Structures are given as C-alpha cells and as structure tokens.
C-alpha cells in the first residue's frame, strides 16, 4: 500500500500538468525547458557513469574499420543519388491539358448544355 498511493498521486499530478498546464505554455518555452532538462540529465548521466565509460574499450576495436565503412556508405549513397538523374526511358508528358469540348469543369461552365 505504501507504494500504491504515491504512484497514484504522481500519476494524477502528471496528468494535471500534461492536460492543463502544458497546452497553455508557448512552444518556444517548452523547447527551452526540454533543452535544459536534456542538458541536465545528460550531465548527470555522464557524471554517474564516468567509470563505466572509461572502462569501455570495445570502441577501440571498431575504430579501425569505421573510416572505410563510412567511405563505402557515402559512395553507395552518391551512386544512388546520381542514378535518380538518369532517365528511365519513359517520356513524362505531364498532365493532359483540358481541351474545350470535353466534359471538364471549364467547358461545363462555358456551355452547360453541351453533351459531347
């Protein structure tokens, strides 16, 4: 029971903040608040796990193959981008322009009794 009541109160307060207060705040202020919270949480996370980051060494093994991998990915992306400019053999005639005499909105407005 001791965990249930604080959880319900926290859920109720967060719902009030979510539905009553946040929609009234300007988007710029929300952006600034979110950015500040992100910076504070990032700093606390890095401060709390500094030792784990120092002992993590798997990145050193991967660092040697990162440069060729980036070059290969960039070359593949550039080739794919350049292939978009190569015509496929189909001719794009564009949208067909409406001619007078067909049943288009413009022809109906000009001559509403024309049935051809």
PDB file of N, CA and C in Angstrom:
ATOM      1  N   UNK A   1       0.814  -1.188   0.000  1.00  0.00           N
ATOM      2  CA  UNK A   1       0.000   0.000   0.000  1.00  0.00           C
ATOM      3  C   UNK A   1       0.863   1.260   0.000  1.00  0.00           C
ATOM      4  N   UNK A   2       2.050   1.155   0.593  1.00  0.00           N
ATOM      5  CA  UNK A   2       2.894   2.341   0.691  1.00  0.00           C
ATOM      6  C   UNK A   2       3.433   2.777  -0.673  1.00  0.00           C
ATOM      7  N   UNK A   3       3.547   1.850  -1.627  1.00  0.00           N
ATOM      8  CA  UNK A   3       3.989   2.222  -2.968  1.00  0.00           C
ATOM      9  C   UNK A   3       2.826   2.650  -3.868  1.00  0.00           C
ATOM     10  N   UNK A   4       1.621   2.195  -3.544  1.00  0.00           N
ATOM     11  CA  UNK A   4       0.466   2.450  -4.386  1.00  0.00           C
ATOM     12  C   UNK A   4       0.021   3.908  -4.336  1.00  0.00           C
ATOM     13  N   UNK A   5      -0.097   4.479  -3.154  1.00  0.00           N
ATOM     14  CA  UNK A   5      -0.603   5.853  -3.008  1.00  0.00           C
ATOM     15  C   UNK A   5       0.325   6.889  -3.629  1.00  0.00           C
ATOM     16  N   UNK A   6       1.642   6.866  -3.383  1.00  0.00           N
ATOM     17  CA  UNK A   6       2.493   7.858  -4.052  1.00  0.00           C
ATOM     18  C   UNK A   6       2.487   7.714  -5.574  1.00  0.00           C
ATOM     19  N   UNK A   7       2.373   6.491  -6.059  1.00  0.00           N
ATOM     20  CA  UNK A   7       2.339   6.301  -7.506  1.00  0.00           C
ATOM     21  C   UNK A   7       1.085   6.900  -8.112  1.00  0.00           C
ATOM     22  N   UNK A   8      -0.052   6.702  -7.454  1.00  0.00           N
ATOM     23  CA  UNK A   8      -1.304   7.270  -7.949  1.00  0.00           C
ATOM     24  C   UNK A   8      -1.249   8.791  -7.874  1.00  0.00           C
ATOM     25  N   UNK A   9      -0.704   9.351  -6.806  1.00  0.00           N
ATOM     26  CA  UNK A   9      -0.596  10.812  -6.691  1.00  0.00           C
ATOM     27  C   UNK A   9       0.332  11.378  -7.758  1.00  0.00           C
ATOM     28  N   UNK A  10       1.435  10.711  -8.019  1.00  0.00           N
ATOM     29  CA  UNK A  10       2.350  11.158  -9.063  1.00  0.00           C
ATOM     30  C   UNK A  10       1.680  11.094 -10.435  1.00  0.00           C
ATOM     31  N   UNK A  11       0.928  10.046 -10.692  1.00  0.00           N
ATOM     32  CA  UNK A  11       0.200   9.919 -11.948  1.00  0.00           C
ATOM     33  C   UNK A  11      -0.857  11.013 -12.078  1.00  0.00           C
ATOM     34  N   UNK A  12      -1.553  11.328 -10.999  1.00  0.00           N
ATOM     35  CA  UNK A  12      -2.574  12.373 -11.020  1.00  0.00           C
ATOM     36  C   UNK A  12      -1.947  13.751 -11.264  1.00  0.00           C
ATOM     37  N   UNK A  13      -0.850  14.049 -10.583  1.00  0.00           N
ATOM     38  CA  UNK A  13      -0.180  15.341 -10.772  1.00  0.00           C
ATOM     39  C   UNK A  13       0.380  15.454 -12.182  1.00  0.00           C
ATOM     40  N   UNK A  14       0.954  14.373 -12.689  1.00  0.00           N
ATOM     41  CA  UNK A  14       1.492  14.434 -14.053  1.00  0.00           C
ATOM     42  C   UNK A  14       0.368  14.583 -15.085  1.00  0.00           C
ATOM     43  N   UNK A  15      -0.787  13.995 -14.856  1.00  0.00           N
ATOM     44  CA  UNK A  15      -1.920  14.167 -15.765  1.00  0.00           C
ATOM     45  C   UNK A  15      -2.426  15.600 -15.739  1.00  0.00           C
ATOM     46  N   UNK A  16      -2.467  16.203 -14.567  1.00  0.00           N
ATOM     47  CA  UNK A  16      -2.892  17.606 -14.465  1.00  0.00           C
ATOM     48  C   UNK A  16      -1.918  18.508 -15.211  1.00  0.00           C
ATOM     49  N   UNK A  17      -0.638  18.259 -15.017  1.00  0.00           N
ATOM     50  CA  UNK A  17       0.368  19.067 -15.718  1.00  0.00           C
ATOM     51  C   UNK A  17       0.261  18.850 -17.223  1.00  0.00           C
ATOM     52  N   UNK A  18       0.070  17.608 -17.642  1.00  0.00           N
ATOM     53  CA  UNK A  18       0.022  17.286 -19.057  1.00  0.00           C
ATOM     54  C   UNK A  18      -1.185  17.904 -19.755  1.00  0.00           C
ATOM     55  N   UNK A  19      -2.360  17.818 -19.145  1.00  0.00           N
ATOM     56  CA  UNK A  19      -3.575  18.265 -19.818  1.00  0.00           C
ATOM     57  C   UNK A  19      -3.976  19.697 -19.506  1.00  0.00           C
ATOM     58  N   UNK A  20      -3.528  20.264 -18.384  1.00  0.00           N
ATOM     59  CA  UNK A  20      -3.973  21.606 -18.014  1.00  0.00           C
ATOM     60  C   UNK A  20      -2.905  22.674 -18.188  1.00  0.00           C
ATOM     61  N   UNK A  21      -1.664  22.356 -17.893  1.00  0.00           N
ATOM     62  CA  UNK A  21      -0.629  23.393 -17.881  1.00  0.00           C
ATOM     63  C   UNK A  21       0.150  23.434 -19.186  1.00  0.00           C
ATOM     64  N   UNK A  22       0.589  22.293 -19.699  1.00  0.00           N
ATOM     65  CA  UNK A  22       1.450  22.267 -20.881  1.00  0.00           C
ATOM     66  C   UNK A  22       0.791  22.864 -22.122  1.00  0.00           C
ATOM     67  N   UNK A  23      -0.503  22.623 -22.409  1.00  0.00           N
ATOM     68  CA  UNK A  23      -1.078  23.250 -23.603  1.00  0.00           C
ATOM     69  C   UNK A  23      -1.130  24.775 -23.552  1.00  0.00           C
ATOM     70  N   UNK A  24      -1.039  25.350 -22.370  1.00  0.00           N
ATOM     71  CA  UNK A  24      -1.093  26.803 -22.226  1.00  0.00           C
ATOM     72  C   UNK A  24       0.273  27.465 -22.400  1.00  0.00           C
ATOM     73  N   UNK A  25       1.345  26.671 -22.372  1.00  0.00           N
ATOM     74  CA  UNK A  25       2.691  27.215 -22.469  1.00  0.00           C
ATOM     75  C   UNK A  25       3.059  27.381 -23.945  1.00  0.00           C
ATOM     76  N   UNK A  26       3.793  28.421 -24.243  1.00  0.00           N
ATOM     77  CA  UNK A  26       4.223  28.681 -25.618  1.00  0.00           C
ATOM     78  C   UNK A  26       5.219  27.605 -26.069  1.00  0.00           C
ATOM     79  N   UNK A  27       5.208  27.263 -27.358  1.00  0.00           N
ATOM     80  CA  UNK A  27       6.134  26.232 -27.853  1.00  0.00           C
ATOM     81  C   UNK A  27       7.602  26.577 -27.646  1.00  0.00           C
ATOM     82  N   UNK A  28       7.939  27.860 -27.734  1.00  0.00           N
ATOM     83  CA  UNK A  28       9.334  28.246 -27.520  1.00  0.00           C
ATOM     84  C   UNK A  28       9.765  27.961 -26.092  1.00  0.00           C
ATOM     85  N   UNK A  29       8.893  28.264 -25.140  1.00  0.00           N
ATOM     86  CA  UNK A  29       9.213  27.998 -23.745  1.00  0.00           C
ATOM     87  C   UNK A  29       9.310  26.497 -23.488  1.00  0.00           C
ATOM     88  N   UNK A  30       8.423  25.719 -24.109  1.00  0.00           N
ATOM     89  CA  UNK A  30       8.517  24.268 -23.980  1.00  0.00           C
ATOM     90  C   UNK A  30       9.842  23.747 -24.535  1.00  0.00           C
ATOM     91  N   UNK A  31      10.268  24.305 -25.664  1.00  0.00           N
ATOM     92  CA  UNK A  31      11.543  23.890 -26.264  1.00  0.00           C
ATOM     93  C   UNK A  31      12.699  24.210 -25.325  1.00  0.00           C
ATOM     94  N   UNK A  32      12.695  25.380 -24.738  1.00  0.00           N
ATOM     95  CA  UNK A  32      13.780  25.773 -23.834  1.00  0.00           C
ATOM     96  C   UNK A  32      13.793  24.875 -22.599  1.00  0.00           C
ATOM     97  N   UNK A  33      12.622  24.599 -22.037  1.00  0.00           N
ATOM     98  CA  UNK A  33      12.551  23.730 -20.859  1.00  0.00           C
ATOM     99  C   UNK A  33      13.045  22.330 -21.195  1.00  0.00           C
ATOM    100  N   UNK A  34      12.604  21.788 -22.344  1.00  0.00           N
ATOM    101  CA  UNK A  34      13.045  20.450 -22.741  1.00  0.00           C
ATOM    102  C   UNK A  34      14.543  20.412 -22.988  1.00  0.00           C
ATOM    103  N   UNK A  35      15.098  21.459 -23.609  1.00  0.00           N
ATOM    104  CA  UNK A  35      16.531  21.510 -23.861  1.00  0.00           C
ATOM    105  C   UNK A  35      17.320  21.569 -22.556  1.00  0.00           C
ATOM    106  N   UNK A  36      16.867  22.379 -21.618  1.00  0.00           N
ATOM    107  CA  UNK A  36      17.550  22.457 -20.319  1.00  0.00           C
ATOM    108  C   UNK A  36      17.491  21.118 -19.584  1.00  0.00           C
ATOM    109  N   UNK A  37      16.332  20.475 -19.616  1.00  0.00           N
ATOM    110  CA  UNK A  37      16.217  19.178 -18.948  1.00  0.00           C
ATOM    111  C   UNK A  37      17.112  18.143 -19.612  1.00  0.00           C
ATOM    112  N   UNK A  38      17.196  18.178 -20.937  1.00  0.00           N
ATOM    113  CA  UNK A  38      18.068  17.244 -21.656  1.00  0.00           C
ATOM    114  C   UNK A  38      19.527  17.460 -21.272  1.00  0.00           C
ATOM    115  N   UNK A  39      19.952  18.702 -21.180  1.00  0.00           N
ATOM    116  CA  UNK A  39      21.341  19.004 -20.803  1.00  0.00           C
ATOM    117  C   UNK A  39      21.625  18.555 -19.376  1.00  0.00           C
ATOM    118  N   UNK A  40      20.703  18.832 -18.454  1.00  0.00           N
ATOM    119  CA  UNK A  40      20.906  18.452 -17.053  1.00  0.00           C
ATOM    120  C   UNK A  40      20.956  16.940 -16.899  1.00  0.00           C
ATOM    121  N   UNK A  41      20.030  16.239 -17.544  1.00  0.00           N
ATOM    122  CA  UNK A  41      20.006  14.778 -17.449  1.00  0.00           C
ATOM    123  C   UNK A  41      21.246  14.175 -18.103  1.00  0.00           C
ATOM    124  N   UNK A  42      21.682  14.730 -19.230  1.00  0.00           N
ATOM    125  CA  UNK A  42      22.899  14.239 -19.866  1.00  0.00           C
ATOM    126  C   UNK A  42      24.120  14.421 -18.983  1.00  0.00           C
ATOM    127  N   UNK A  43      24.209  15.568 -18.325  1.00  0.00           N
ATOM    128  CA  UNK A  43      25.335  15.821 -17.422  1.00  0.00           C
ATOM    129  C   UNK A  43      25.308  14.850 -16.248  1.00  0.00           C
ATOM    130  N   UNK A  44      24.133  14.658 -15.652  1.00  0.00           N
ATOM    131  CA  UNK A  44      24.033  13.737 -14.521  1.00  0.00           C
ATOM    132  C   UNK A  44      24.343  12.303 -14.939  1.00  0.00           C
ATOM    133  N   UNK A  45      23.880  11.917 -16.111  1.00  0.00           N
ATOM    134  CA  UNK A  45      24.154  10.558 -16.593  1.00  0.00           C
ATOM    135  C   UNK A  45      25.654  10.356 -16.802  1.00  0.00           C
ATOM    136  N   UNK A  46      26.298  11.317 -17.425  1.00  0.00           N
ATOM    137  CA  UNK A  46      27.736  11.192 -17.668  1.00  0.00           C
ATOM    138  C   UNK A  46      28.503  11.198 -16.346  1.00  0.00           C
ATOM    139  N   UNK A  47      28.090  12.037 -15.391  1.00  0.00           N
ATOM    140  CA  UNK A  47      28.757  12.104 -14.093  1.00  0.00           C
ATOM    141  C   UNK A  47      28.577  10.789 -13.330  1.00  0.00           C
ATOM    142  N   UNK A  48      27.400  10.162 -13.448  1.00  0.00           N
ATOM    143  CA  UNK A  48      27.126   8.940 -12.713  1.00  0.00           C
ATOM    144  C   UNK A  48      27.871   7.736 -13.311  1.00  0.00           C
ATOM    145  N   UNK A  49      28.038   7.706 -14.639  1.00  0.00           N
ATOM    146  CA  UNK A  49      28.626   6.542 -15.295  1.00  0.00           C
ATOM    147  C   UNK A  49      30.004   6.835 -15.886  1.00  0.00           C
ATOM    148  N   UNK A  50      30.759   7.733 -15.302  1.00  0.00           N
ATOM    149  CA  UNK A  50      32.083   8.072 -15.810  1.00  0.00           C
ATOM    150  C   UNK A  50      33.015   6.871 -15.794  1.00  0.00           C
ATOM    151  N   UNK A  51      32.975   6.089 -14.723  1.00  0.00           N
ATOM    152  CA  UNK A  51      33.853   4.915 -14.625  1.00  0.00           C
ATOM    153  C   UNK A  51      33.521   3.880 -15.692  1.00  0.00           C
ATOM    154  N   UNK A  52      32.235   3.662 -15.937  1.00  0.00           N
ATOM    155  CA  UNK A  52      31.846   2.679 -16.957  1.00  0.00           C
ATOM    156  C   UNK A  52      32.287   3.136 -18.343  1.00  0.00           C
ATOM    157  N   UNK A  53      32.195   4.435 -18.616  1.00  0.00           N
ATOM    158  CA  UNK A  53      32.655   4.938 -19.913  1.00  0.00           C
ATOM    159  C   UNK A  53      34.164   4.792 -20.059  1.00  0.00           C
ATOM    160  N   UNK A  54      34.908   4.967 -18.966  1.00  0.00           N
ATOM    161  CA  UNK A  54      36.365   4.841 -19.022  1.00  0.00           C
ATOM    162  C   UNK A  54      36.789   3.389 -19.246  1.00  0.00           C
ATOM    163  N   UNK A  55      36.040   2.427 -18.681  1.00  0.00           N
ATOM    164  CA  UNK A  55      36.410   1.024 -18.816  1.00  0.00           C
ATOM    165  C   UNK A  55      35.901   0.398 -20.113  1.00  0.00           C
ATOM    166  N   UNK A  56      35.041   1.066 -20.821  1.00  0.00           N
ATOM    167  CA  UNK A  56      34.508   0.523 -22.059  1.00  0.00           C
ATOM    168  C   UNK A  56      35.561   0.647 -23.160  1.00  0.00           C
ATOM    169  N   UNK A  57      36.016  -0.498 -23.665  1.00  0.00           N
ATOM    170  CA  UNK A  57      37.096  -0.479 -24.660  1.00  0.00           C
ATOM    171  C   UNK A  57      36.701  -1.077 -26.000  1.00  0.00           C
ATOM    172  N   UNK A  58      35.451  -1.490 -26.187  1.00  0.00           N
ATOM    173  CA  UNK A  58      35.085  -2.130 -27.452  1.00  0.00           C
ATOM    174  C   UNK A  58      35.120  -1.132 -28.603  1.00  0.00           C
ATOM    175  N   UNK A  59      35.016   0.161 -28.305  1.00  0.00           N
ATOM    176  CA  UNK A  59      35.056   1.168 -29.373  1.00  0.00           C
ATOM    177  C   UNK A  59      36.432   1.233 -30.022  1.00  0.00           C
ATOM    178  N   UNK A  60      37.478   0.908 -29.273  1.00  0.00           N
ATOM    179  CA  UNK A  60      38.826   0.965 -29.827  1.00  0.00           C
ATOM    180  C   UNK A  60      39.015  -0.068 -30.936  1.00  0.00           C
ATOM    181  N   UNK A  61      38.374  -1.231 -30.806  1.00  0.00           N
ATOM    182  CA  UNK A  61      38.496  -2.262 -31.838  1.00  0.00           C
ATOM    183  C   UNK A  61      37.723  -1.859 -33.096  1.00  0.00           C
ATOM    184  N   UNK A  62      36.603  -1.198 -32.940  1.00  0.00           N
ATOM    185  CA  UNK A  62      35.748  -0.830 -34.066  1.00  0.00           C
ATOM    186  C   UNK A  62      36.280   0.408 -34.790  1.00  0.00           C
ATOM    187  N   UNK A  63      37.065   1.224 -34.110  1.00  0.00           N
ATOM    188  CA  UNK A  63      37.529   2.483 -34.683  1.00  0.00           C
ATOM    189  C   UNK A  63      38.369   2.280 -35.938  1.00  0.00           C
ATOM    190  N   UNK A  64      39.081   1.174 -36.049  1.00  0.00           N
ATOM    191  CA  UNK A  64      39.914   0.932 -37.226  1.00  0.00           C
ATOM    192  C   UNK A  64      39.115   0.694 -38.491  1.00  0.00           C
ATOM    193  N   UNK A  65      37.937   0.106 -38.385  1.00  0.00           N
ATOM    194  CA  UNK A  65      37.141  -0.191 -39.573  1.00  0.00           C
ATOM    195  C   UNK A  65      36.080   0.874 -39.847  1.00  0.00           C
ATOM    196  N   UNK A  66      36.025   1.903 -39.070  1.00  0.00           N
ATOM    197  CA  UNK A  66      34.974   2.907 -39.250  1.00  0.00           C
ATOM    198  C   UNK A  66      35.213   3.767 -40.487  1.00  0.00           C
ATOM    199  N   UNK A  67      36.458   4.148 -40.750  1.00  0.00           N
ATOM    200  CA  UNK A  67      36.729   5.036 -41.887  1.00  0.00           C
ATOM    201  C   UNK A  67      36.400   4.379 -43.225  1.00  0.00           C
ATOM    202  N   UNK A  68      36.855   3.151 -43.493  1.00  0.00           N
ATOM    203  CA  UNK A  68      36.469   2.530 -44.770  1.00  0.00           C
ATOM    204  C   UNK A  68      34.954   2.303 -44.887  1.00  0.00           C
ATOM    205  N   UNK A  69      34.320   1.983 -43.785  1.00  0.00           N
ATOM    206  CA  UNK A  69      32.879   1.769 -43.817  1.00  0.00           C
ATOM    207  C   UNK A  69      32.138   3.055 -44.174  1.00  0.00           C
ATOM    208  N   UNK A  70      32.557   4.159 -43.615  1.00  0.00           N
ATOM    209  CA  UNK A  70      31.934   5.447 -43.932  1.00  0.00           C
ATOM    210  C   UNK A  70      32.139   5.791 -45.405  1.00  0.00           C
ATOM    211  N   UNK A  71      33.319   5.537 -45.933  1.00  0.00           N
ATOM    212  CA  UNK A  71      33.586   5.831 -47.350  1.00  0.00           C
ATOM    213  C   UNK A  71      32.704   4.973 -48.249  1.00  0.00           C
ATOM    214  N   UNK A  72      32.574   3.682 -47.929  1.00  0.00           N
ATOM    215  CA  UNK A  72      31.728   2.793 -48.736  1.00  0.00           C
ATOM    216  C   UNK A  72      30.276   3.249 -48.698  1.00  0.00           C
ATOM    217  N   UNK A  73      29.770   3.597 -47.533  1.00  0.00           N
ATOM    218  CA  UNK A  73      28.385   4.052 -47.413  1.00  0.00           C
ATOM    219  C   UNK A  73      28.172   5.338 -48.201  1.00  0.00           C
ATOM    220  N   UNK A  74      29.114   6.268 -48.120  1.00  0.00           N
ATOM    221  CA  UNK A  74      28.990   7.519 -48.869  1.00  0.00           C
ATOM    222  C   UNK A  74      29.013   7.290 -50.375  1.00  0.00           C
ATOM    223  N   UNK A  75      29.879   6.392 -50.852  1.00  0.00           N
ATOM    224  CA  UNK A  75      29.937   6.110 -52.285  1.00  0.00           C
ATOM    225  C   UNK A  75      28.629   5.483 -52.757  1.00  0.00           C
ATOM    226  N   UNK A  76      28.095   4.533 -51.992  1.00  0.00           N
ATOM    227  CA  UNK A  76      26.826   3.904 -52.368  1.00  0.00           C
ATOM    228  C   UNK A  76      25.697   4.930 -52.391  1.00  0.00           C
ATOM    229  N   UNK A  77      25.668   5.814 -51.414  1.00  0.00           N
ATOM    230  CA  UNK A  77      24.626   6.842 -51.385  1.00  0.00           C
ATOM    231  C   UNK A  77      24.769   7.815 -52.544  1.00  0.00           C
ATOM    232  N   UNK A  78      25.989   8.194 -52.906  1.00  0.00           N
ATOM    233  CA  UNK A  78      26.183   9.113 -54.036  1.00  0.00           C
ATOM    234  C   UNK A  78      25.787   8.458 -55.346  1.00  0.00           C
ATOM    235  N   UNK A  79      26.111   7.169 -55.513  1.00  0.00           N
ATOM    236  CA  UNK A  79      25.709   6.474 -56.737  1.00  0.00           C
ATOM    237  C   UNK A  79      24.185   6.396 -56.812  1.00  0.00           C
ATOM    238  N   UNK A  80      23.540   6.083 -55.706  1.00  0.00           N
ATOM    239  CA  UNK A  80      22.082   6.044 -55.689  1.00  0.00           C
ATOM    240  C   UNK A  80      21.472   7.399 -55.971  1.00  0.00           C
ATOM    241  N   UNK A  81      22.061   8.451 -55.434  1.00  0.00           N
ATOM    242  CA  UNK A  81      21.570   9.805 -55.686  1.00  0.00           C
ATOM    243  C   UNK A  81      21.736  10.171 -57.152  1.00  0.00           C
ATOM    244  N   UNK A  82      22.884   9.845 -57.747  1.00  0.00           N
ATOM    245  CA  UNK A  82      23.125  10.180 -59.143  1.00  0.00           C
ATOM    246  C   UNK A  82      22.267   9.360 -60.095  1.00  0.00           C
ATOM    247  N   UNK A  83      21.898   8.129 -59.703  1.00  0.00           N
ATOM    248  CA  UNK A  83      21.029   7.322 -60.555  1.00  0.00           C
ATOM    249  C   UNK A  83      19.621   7.902 -60.660  1.00  0.00           C
ATOM    250  N   UNK A  84      19.247   8.753 -59.736  1.00  0.00           N
ATOM    251  CA  UNK A  84      17.935   9.399 -59.828  1.00  0.00           C
ATOM    252  C   UNK A  84      17.873  10.367 -60.998  1.00  0.00           C
ATOM    253  N   UNK A  85      19.005  10.834 -61.473  1.00  0.00           N
ATOM    254  CA  UNK A  85      19.027  11.773 -62.582  1.00  0.00           C
ATOM    255  C   UNK A  85      19.051  11.092 -63.951  1.00  0.00           C
ATOM    256  N   UNK A  86      19.300   9.789 -63.982  1.00  0.00           N
ATOM    257  CA  UNK A  86      19.353   9.066 -65.249  1.00  0.00           C
ATOM    258  C   UNK A  86      17.920   8.789 -65.696  1.00  0.00           C
ATOM    259  N   UNK A  87      17.575   9.156 -66.926  1.00  0.00           N
ATOM    260  CA  UNK A  87      16.197   8.909 -67.370  1.00  0.00           C
ATOM    261  C   UNK A  87      15.936   7.416 -67.528  1.00  0.00           C
ATOM    262  N   UNK A  88      14.695   7.020 -67.305  1.00  0.00           N
ATOM    263  CA  UNK A  88      14.363   5.602 -67.335  1.00  0.00           C
ATOM    264  C   UNK A  88      13.877   5.143 -68.690  1.00  0.00           C
ATOM    265  N   UNK A  89      13.786   6.012 -69.681  1.00  0.00           N
ATOM    266  CA  UNK A  89      13.316   5.632 -70.997  1.00  0.00           C
ATOM    267  C   UNK A  89      11.868   6.015 -71.223  1.00  0.00           C
ATOM    268  N   UNK A  90      11.136   6.271 -70.170  1.00  0.00           N
ATOM    269  CA  UNK A  90       9.760   6.727 -70.321  1.00  0.00           C
ATOM    270  C   UNK A  90       9.754   8.237 -70.508  1.00  0.00           C
ATOM    271  N   UNK A  91       8.834   8.697 -71.293  1.00  0.00           N
ATOM    272  CA  UNK A  91       8.745  10.136 -71.510  1.00  0.00           C
ATOM    273  C   UNK A  91       7.616  10.665 -70.658  1.00  0.00           C
ATOM    274  N   UNK A  92       7.929  11.617 -69.839  1.00  0.00           N
ATOM    275  CA  UNK A  92       6.914  12.209 -68.970  1.00  0.00           C
ATOM    276  C   UNK A  92       6.248  13.346 -69.727  1.00  0.00           C
ATOM    277  N   UNK A  93       5.042  13.103 -70.186  1.00  0.00           N
ATOM    278  CA  UNK A  93       4.338  14.121 -70.962  1.00  0.00           C
ATOM    279  C   UNK A  93       3.667  15.138 -70.065  1.00  0.00           C
ATOM    280  N   UNK A  94       3.612  14.874 -68.809  1.00  0.00           N
ATOM    281  CA  UNK A  94       2.961  15.800 -67.899  1.00  0.00           C
ATOM    282  C   UNK A  94       1.459  15.586 -67.899  1.00  0.00           C
ATOM    283  N   UNK A  95       0.766  16.368 -67.125  1.00  0.00           N
ATOM    284  CA  UNK A  95      -0.688  16.202 -67.074  1.00  0.00           C
ATOM    285  C   UNK A  95      -1.326  16.657 -68.385  1.00  0.00           C
ATOM    286  N   UNK A  96      -2.360  15.962 -68.776  1.00  0.00           N
ATOM    287  CA  UNK A  96      -3.047  16.305 -70.009  1.00  0.00           C
ATOM    288  C   UNK A  96      -3.859  17.577 -69.790  1.00  0.00           C
ATOM    289  N   UNK A  97      -3.669  18.534 -70.676  1.00  0.00           N
ATOM    290  CA  UNK A  97      -4.380  19.791 -70.538  1.00  0.00           C
ATOM    291  C   UNK A  97      -5.810  19.627 -71.029  1.00  0.00           C
ATOM    292  N   UNK A  98      -6.775  20.172 -70.298  1.00  0.00           N
ATOM    293  CA  UNK A  98      -8.162  20.011 -70.721  1.00  0.00           C
ATOM    294  C   UNK A  98      -8.449  20.844 -71.971  1.00  0.00           C
ATOM    295  N   UNK A  99      -9.124  20.236 -72.901  1.00  0.00           N
ATOM    296  CA  UNK A  99      -9.490  20.928 -74.134  1.00  0.00           C
ATOM    297  C   UNK A  99     -10.970  21.285 -74.060  1.00  0.00           C
ATOM    298  N   UNK A 100     -11.313  22.367 -74.730  1.00  0.00           N
ATOM    299  CA  UNK A 100     -12.714  22.749 -74.756  1.00  0.00           C
ATOM    300  C   UNK A 100     -13.489  21.726 -75.568  1.00  0.00           C
ATOM    301  N   UNK A 101     -14.640  21.399 -75.125  1.00  0.00           N
ATOM    302  CA  UNK A 101     -15.438  20.391 -75.783  1.00  0.00           C
ATOM    303  C   UNK A 101     -15.485  19.106 -74.980  1.00  0.00           C
ATOM    304  N   UNK A 102     -14.477  18.864 -74.155  1.00  0.00           N
ATOM    305  CA  UNK A 102     -14.529  17.724 -73.258  1.00  0.00           C
ATOM    306  C   UNK A 102     -15.357  18.124 -72.045  1.00  0.00           C
ATOM    307  N   UNK A 103     -15.804  17.160 -71.325  1.00  0.00           N
ATOM    308  CA  UNK A 103     -16.630  17.448 -70.159  1.00  0.00           C
ATOM    309  C   UNK A 103     -15.740  17.792 -68.969  1.00  0.00           C
ATOM    310  N   UNK A 104     -15.177  18.961 -68.999  1.00  0.00           N
ATOM    311  CA  UNK A 104     -14.400  19.463 -67.879  1.00  0.00           C
ATOM    312  C   UNK A 104     -15.208  20.545 -67.200  1.00  0.00           C
ATOM    313  N   UNK A 105     -14.769  20.953 -66.065  1.00  0.00           N
ATOM    314  CA  UNK A 105     -15.498  21.976 -65.320  1.00  0.00           C
ATOM    315  C   UNK A 105     -15.555  23.284 -66.099  1.00  0.00           C
ATOM    316  N   UNK A 106     -14.440  23.619 -66.764  1.00  0.00           N
ATOM    317  CA  UNK A 106     -14.407  24.862 -67.525  1.00  0.00           C
ATOM    318  C   UNK A 106     -15.371  24.809 -68.716  1.00  0.00           C
ATOM    319  N   UNK A 107     -15.436  23.654 -69.402  1.00  0.00           N
ATOM    320  CA  UNK A 107     -16.339  23.564 -70.545  1.00  0.00           C
ATOM    321  C   UNK A 107     -17.795  23.528 -70.092  1.00  0.00           C
ATOM    322  N   UNK A 108     -18.077  22.960 -68.937  1.00  0.00           N
ATOM    323  CA  UNK A 108     -19.457  22.946 -68.441  1.00  0.00           C
ATOM    324  C   UNK A 108     -19.886  24.337 -68.040  1.00  0.00           C
ATOM    325  N   UNK A 109     -18.962  25.119 -67.473  1.00  0.00           N
ATOM    326  CA  UNK A 109     -19.313  26.486 -67.100  1.00  0.00           C
ATOM    327  C   UNK A 109     -19.550  27.328 -68.344  1.00  0.00           C
ATOM    328  N   UNK A 110     -18.746  27.142 -69.391  1.00  0.00           N
ATOM    329  CA  UNK A 110     -18.935  27.924 -70.613  1.00  0.00           C
ATOM    330  C   UNK A 110     -20.220  27.556 -71.335  1.00  0.00           C
ATOM    331  N   UNK A 111     -20.508  26.258 -71.460  1.00  0.00           N
ATOM    332  CA  UNK A 111     -21.678  25.824 -72.207  1.00  0.00           C
ATOM    333  C   UNK A 111     -22.286  24.654 -71.443  1.00  0.00           C
ATOM    334  N   UNK A 112     -23.200  24.919 -70.525  1.00  0.00           N
ATOM    335  CA  UNK A 112     -23.709  23.850 -69.666  1.00  0.00           C
ATOM    336  C   UNK A 112     -24.572  22.831 -70.402  1.00  0.00           C
ATOM    337  N   UNK A 113     -25.058  23.145 -71.587  1.00  0.00           N
ATOM    338  CA  UNK A 113     -25.944  22.225 -72.302  1.00  0.00           C
ATOM    339  C   UNK A 113     -25.206  21.380 -73.335  1.00  0.00           C
ATOM    340  N   UNK A 114     -23.903  21.516 -73.404  1.00  0.00           N
ATOM    341  CA  UNK A 114     -23.126  20.728 -74.353  1.00  0.00           C
ATOM    342  C   UNK A 114     -22.934  19.328 -73.774  1.00  0.00           C
ATOM    343  N   UNK A 115     -23.269  18.331 -74.534  1.00  0.00           N
ATOM    344  CA  UNK A 115     -23.199  16.951 -74.020  1.00  0.00           C
ATOM    345  C   UNK A 115     -22.108  16.139 -74.677  1.00  0.00           C
ATOM    346  N   UNK A 116     -21.388  16.681 -75.587  1.00  0.00           N
ATOM    347  CA  UNK A 116     -20.374  15.938 -76.316  1.00  0.00           C
ATOM    348  C   UNK A 116     -19.190  15.640 -75.460  1.00  0.00           C
TER     349      UNK A 116
END
